[in-house]
């Protein structure tokens, strides 16, 4: 069975819009500012990160994932702390 449905095809979860639906529709700019912000998603980060693949022990992953949402950011913070603590000591090489 194909898990990827054609998003353009109407179905029970994505019915075709009626004329009444189009009349009720509003643009994002017509919504209240707080709702606009929540629908636009997370703002662009000031500092961008690079996507990599890294292999970590099951214990490390379990511990960080167990802290809830934002666990990858917390791993990044721990690694930044290590880099700062080891600058100039020969522990962090460029």
Protein backbone atom coordinates (compact mmCIF):
# COMPACT_ATOMS: atom_id res chain seq x y z
CA UNK A 1 0.00 0.00 0.00
CA UNK A 2 1.31 3.45 -0.90
CA UNK A 3 1.75 5.53 2.28
CA UNK A 4 2.15 8.75 0.32
CA UNK A 5 -1.23 9.92 -0.94
CA UNK A 6 -1.48 12.52 -3.64
CA UNK A 7 -1.98 15.71 -1.61
CA UNK A 8 -3.82 17.28 -4.53
CA UNK A 9 -6.57 14.65 -4.55
CA UNK A 10 -9.63 15.34 -2.35
CA UNK A 11 -10.42 12.73 0.31
CA UNK A 12 -12.23 12.58 3.65
CA UNK A 13 -9.42 14.51 5.39
CA UNK A 14 -8.92 16.94 2.51
CA UNK A 15 -12.32 17.55 0.92
CA UNK A 16 -12.72 19.80 -2.08
CA UNK A 17 -13.68 23.37 -1.10
CA UNK A 18 -17.20 24.59 -1.80
CA UNK A 19 -18.15 28.14 -2.79
CA UNK A 20 -19.21 28.70 0.85
CA UNK A 21 -15.74 27.64 2.04
CA UNK A 22 -14.10 30.17 -0.25
CA UNK A 23 -16.45 32.93 0.94
CA UNK A 24 -15.55 32.21 4.62
CA UNK A 25 -11.82 32.10 3.93
CA UNK A 26 -9.58 34.97 5.03
CA UNK A 27 -5.96 35.79 4.30
CA UNK A 28 -3.30 35.37 6.95
CA UNK A 29 -2.94 39.17 7.15
CA UNK A 30 -6.63 39.46 8.15
CA UNK A 31 -6.12 37.32 11.27
CA UNK A 32 -5.16 38.73 14.70
CA UNK A 33 -1.39 39.29 15.08
CA UNK A 34 -0.85 36.59 17.78
CA UNK A 35 -2.58 34.00 15.58
CA UNK A 36 -0.54 35.09 12.55
CA UNK A 37 2.67 34.55 14.53
CA UNK A 38 1.63 31.08 15.68
CA UNK A 39 0.68 30.03 12.16
CA UNK A 40 3.89 31.35 10.62
CA UNK A 41 5.96 29.01 12.79
CA UNK A 42 9.29 29.58 14.45
CA UNK A 43 11.14 32.76 13.47
CA UNK A 44 14.45 32.48 11.62
CA UNK A 45 17.34 31.87 13.99
CA UNK A 46 20.00 34.55 14.32
CA UNK A 47 22.64 31.81 14.39
CA UNK A 48 22.21 29.07 11.80
CA UNK A 49 23.29 25.52 12.45
CA UNK A 50 24.68 22.87 10.14
CA UNK A 51 22.86 19.56 9.69
CA UNK A 52 25.18 16.60 10.30
CA UNK A 53 24.98 12.92 11.12
CA UNK A 54 26.50 11.88 14.43
CA UNK A 55 26.52 8.57 16.25
CA UNK A 56 25.81 8.79 19.98
CA UNK A 57 25.44 6.10 22.60
CA UNK A 58 21.97 4.89 23.50
CA UNK A 59 22.48 6.17 27.07
CA UNK A 60 23.24 9.72 25.87
CA UNK A 61 20.26 9.78 23.52
CA UNK A 62 17.90 8.38 26.14
CA UNK A 63 19.03 10.94 28.71
CA UNK A 64 18.65 13.93 26.37
CA UNK A 65 15.42 12.76 24.71
CA UNK A 66 14.01 12.20 28.19
CA UNK A 67 14.32 15.94 28.85
CA UNK A 68 11.60 16.65 26.27
CA UNK A 69 11.39 19.02 23.33
CA UNK A 70 14.59 20.90 22.59
CA UNK A 71 16.88 17.99 23.46
CA UNK A 72 19.05 18.51 20.36
CA UNK A 73 19.55 22.17 21.32
CA UNK A 74 20.63 21.03 24.79
CA UNK A 75 23.21 18.66 23.26
CA UNK A 76 24.51 21.63 21.24
CA UNK A 77 24.75 23.73 24.43
CA UNK A 78 26.69 20.99 26.25
CA UNK A 79 29.12 20.72 23.34
CA UNK A 80 29.54 24.52 23.21
CA UNK A 81 30.34 24.52 26.95
CA UNK A 82 32.97 21.83 26.35
CA UNK A 83 34.55 23.83 23.51
CA UNK A 84 34.71 26.97 25.68
CA UNK A 85 36.16 25.04 28.65
CA UNK A 86 38.84 23.44 26.48
CA UNK A 87 39.88 26.42 24.33
CA UNK A 88 43.59 26.95 24.54
CA UNK A 89 44.16 23.67 26.37
CA UNK A 90 44.79 21.68 23.22
CA UNK A 91 41.52 19.79 23.70
CA UNK A 92 39.69 21.52 20.85
CA UNK A 93 41.53 21.54 17.57
CA UNK A 94 40.39 23.46 14.51
